[in-house]
Amino acid sequence: MLKVNEYFDGKAKSIAFQTATLPATVGVISPGEYEFGTTKKETMTVISGALTVLLPGMEEWMTYGAGESFDVAGQASFKAKADIDTAYLCTYQ
C-alpha cells in the first residue's frame, strides 16, 4: 500500500512503497532550504534536478545531479537545498 508524506508545508512530498528488497520513497522537493532527520540509513538518488546537501560531519556542501546518490546514517540529520523542483528516490536500510 502507498503512503503519502508531506513536509515543510507541502514543499516536499513523497510516496512510500516497498521495493523487492527495501522500503523506499519517491518524491519531489520544491526550491528552498531544508533540514531532514533520518531514523534508518538512507540512500538518496536524485532522479531529476539537483540537490545540494550538507551531510553529517562534513563542512562543505556537495551537489548531486540526476543519477547521483549519497548516503546518510540512521539517527542523523542533514541539510538540503534545491534551486529547482528536484525528484528523488530514497531507500531505507
C-alpha atoms as a PDB file:
ATOM      1  CA  MET A   1       0.000   0.000   0.000  1.00  0.00           C
ATOM      2  CA  LEU A   2       1.210   3.502  -0.826  1.00  0.00           C
ATOM      3  CA  LYS A   3       1.603   6.143   1.882  1.00  0.00           C
ATOM      4  CA  VAL A   4       1.839   9.850   1.016  1.00  0.00           C
ATOM      5  CA  ASN A   5       4.106  12.020   3.198  1.00  0.00           C
ATOM      6  CA  GLU A   6       4.193  15.810   3.230  1.00  0.00           C
ATOM      7  CA  TYR A   7       6.835  18.032   4.849  1.00  0.00           C
ATOM      8  CA  PHE A   8       7.645  21.738   5.131  1.00  0.00           C
ATOM      9  CA  ASP A   9       4.117  22.995   4.397  1.00  0.00           C
ATOM     10  CA  GLY A  10       3.870  20.872   1.255  1.00  0.00           C
ATOM     11  CA  LYS A  11       7.215  21.931  -0.226  1.00  0.00           C
ATOM     12  CA  ALA A  12       8.481  18.333  -0.014  1.00  0.00           C
ATOM     13  CA  LYS A  13       6.224  15.373  -0.752  1.00  0.00           C
ATOM     14  CA  SER A  14       6.927  11.681  -1.089  1.00  0.00           C
ATOM     15  CA  ILE A  15       5.150   8.399  -1.648  1.00  0.00           C
ATOM     16  CA  ALA A  16       6.342   5.418   0.398  1.00  0.00           C
ATOM     17  CA  PHE A  17       6.382   1.922  -1.095  1.00  0.00           C
ATOM     18  CA  GLN A  18       8.168  -1.419  -0.771  1.00  0.00           C
ATOM     19  CA  THR A  19      10.745  -2.397  -3.409  1.00  0.00           C
ATOM     20  CA  ALA A  20      11.665  -6.038  -3.974  1.00  0.00           C
ATOM     21  CA  THR A  21      14.286  -5.725  -1.229  1.00  0.00           C
ATOM     22  CA  LEU A  22      13.961  -2.445   0.739  1.00  0.00           C
ATOM     23  CA  PRO A  23      11.381   0.109   1.823  1.00  0.00           C
ATOM     24  CA  ALA A  24      11.614   3.279  -0.276  1.00  0.00           C
ATOM     25  CA  THR A  25      10.107   6.654  -1.060  1.00  0.00           C
ATOM     26  CA  VAL A  26       9.945   8.603  -4.281  1.00  0.00           C
ATOM     27  CA  GLY A  27       9.309  12.309  -4.033  1.00  0.00           C
ATOM     28  CA  VAL A  28       9.829  15.899  -5.096  1.00  0.00           C
ATOM     29  CA  ILE A  29      11.469  18.754  -3.207  1.00  0.00           C
ATOM     30  CA  SER A  30      10.487  22.299  -4.225  1.00  0.00           C
ATOM     31  CA  PRO A  31      13.066  25.105  -4.306  1.00  0.00           C
ATOM     32  CA  GLY A  32      14.231  26.069  -0.819  1.00  0.00           C
ATOM     33  CA  GLU A  33      16.496  25.042   2.056  1.00  0.00           C
ATOM     34  CA  TYR A  34      15.508  22.241   4.445  1.00  0.00           C
ATOM     35  CA  GLU A  35      16.784  20.056   7.263  1.00  0.00           C
ATOM     36  CA  PHE A  36      15.792  16.388   7.238  1.00  0.00           C
ATOM     37  CA  GLY A  37      16.178  13.806  10.003  1.00  0.00           C
ATOM     38  CA  THR A  38      16.758  10.090   9.493  1.00  0.00           C
ATOM     39  CA  THR A  39      15.783   7.090  11.578  1.00  0.00           C
ATOM     40  CA  LYS A  40      17.387   4.424   9.371  1.00  0.00           C
ATOM     41  CA  LYS A  41      20.315   4.551   6.959  1.00  0.00           C
ATOM     42  CA  GLU A  42      19.141   6.264   3.770  1.00  0.00           C
ATOM     43  CA  THR A  43      20.484   6.166   0.241  1.00  0.00           C
ATOM     44  CA  MET A  44      19.107   9.070  -1.749  1.00  0.00           C
ATOM     45  CA  THR A  45      19.346   9.111  -5.547  1.00  0.00           C
ATOM     46  CA  VAL A  46      18.483  12.262  -7.487  1.00  0.00           C
ATOM     47  CA  ILE A  47      16.194  11.436 -10.412  1.00  0.00           C
ATOM     48  CA  SER A  48      15.735  14.904 -11.896  1.00  0.00           C
ATOM     49  CA  GLY A  49      17.099  18.311 -10.967  1.00  0.00           C
ATOM     50  CA  ALA A  50      19.859  18.764  -8.390  1.00  0.00           C
ATOM     51  CA  LEU A  51      20.155  18.656  -4.632  1.00  0.00           C
ATOM     52  CA  THR A  52      22.912  20.412  -2.684  1.00  0.00           C
ATOM     53  CA  VAL A  53      23.456  18.791   0.712  1.00  0.00           C
ATOM     54  CA  LEU A  54      25.469  19.274   3.869  1.00  0.00           C
ATOM     55  CA  LEU A  55      25.949  15.787   5.272  1.00  0.00           C
ATOM     56  CA  PRO A  56      26.655  14.993   8.944  1.00  0.00           C
ATOM     57  CA  GLY A  57      30.281  15.608   9.861  1.00  0.00           C
ATOM     58  CA  MET A  58      31.032  17.456   6.620  1.00  0.00           C
ATOM     59  CA  GLU A  59      31.991  21.116   6.328  1.00  0.00           C
ATOM     60  CA  GLU A  60      31.377  21.580   2.600  1.00  0.00           C
ATOM     61  CA  TRP A  61      28.097  21.429   0.709  1.00  0.00           C
ATOM     62  CA  MET A  62      28.046  18.877  -2.150  1.00  0.00           C
ATOM     63  CA  THR A  63      25.752  18.989  -5.187  1.00  0.00           C
ATOM     64  CA  TYR A  64      24.228  15.795  -6.597  1.00  0.00           C
ATOM     65  CA  GLY A  65      22.578  15.747 -10.012  1.00  0.00           C
ATOM     66  CA  ALA A  66      20.370  13.264 -11.830  1.00  0.00           C
ATOM     67  CA  GLY A  67      21.642   9.713 -11.403  1.00  0.00           C
ATOM     68  CA  GLU A  68      23.917  10.542  -8.459  1.00  0.00           C
ATOM     69  CA  SER A  69      23.451   9.161  -4.927  1.00  0.00           C
ATOM     70  CA  PHE A  70      24.557   9.851  -1.368  1.00  0.00           C
ATOM     71  CA  ASP A  71      24.163   8.012   1.944  1.00  0.00           C
ATOM     72  CA  VAL A  72      23.050   9.347   5.318  1.00  0.00           C
ATOM     73  CA  ALA A  73      23.461   7.327   8.509  1.00  0.00           C
ATOM     74  CA  GLY A  74      20.460   6.499  10.668  1.00  0.00           C
ATOM     75  CA  GLN A  75      19.619   8.759  13.620  1.00  0.00           C
ATOM     76  CA  ALA A  76      21.209  11.759  11.891  1.00  0.00           C
ATOM     77  CA  SER A  77      20.147  14.975  10.201  1.00  0.00           C
ATOM     78  CA  PHE A  78      21.298  16.685   7.036  1.00  0.00           C
ATOM     79  CA  LYS A  79      20.629  19.966   5.286  1.00  0.00           C
ATOM     80  CA  ALA A  80      19.441  20.131   1.687  1.00  0.00           C
ATOM     81  CA  LYS A  81      18.955  22.957  -0.824  1.00  0.00           C
ATOM     82  CA  ALA A  82      17.152  22.819  -4.151  1.00  0.00           C
ATOM     83  CA  ASP A  83      17.105  25.617  -6.735  1.00  0.00           C
ATOM     84  CA  ILE A  84      14.533  23.860  -8.937  1.00  0.00           C
ATOM     85  CA  ASP A  85      11.945  21.140  -8.366  1.00  0.00           C
ATOM     86  CA  THR A  86      14.039  18.039  -7.682  1.00  0.00           C
ATOM     87  CA  ALA A  87      12.815  14.453  -7.793  1.00  0.00           C
ATOM     88  CA  TYR A  88      14.476  11.672  -5.817  1.00  0.00           C
ATOM     89  CA  LEU A  89      14.331   8.014  -4.850  1.00  0.00           C
ATOM     90  CA  CYS A  90      15.285   7.113  -1.286  1.00  0.00           C
ATOM     91  CA  THR A  91      15.815   3.590   0.050  1.00  0.00           C
ATOM     92  CA  TYR A  92      15.990   2.718   3.759  1.00  0.00           C
ATOM     93  CA  GLN A  93      18.072   0.041   5.496  1.00  0.00           C
END
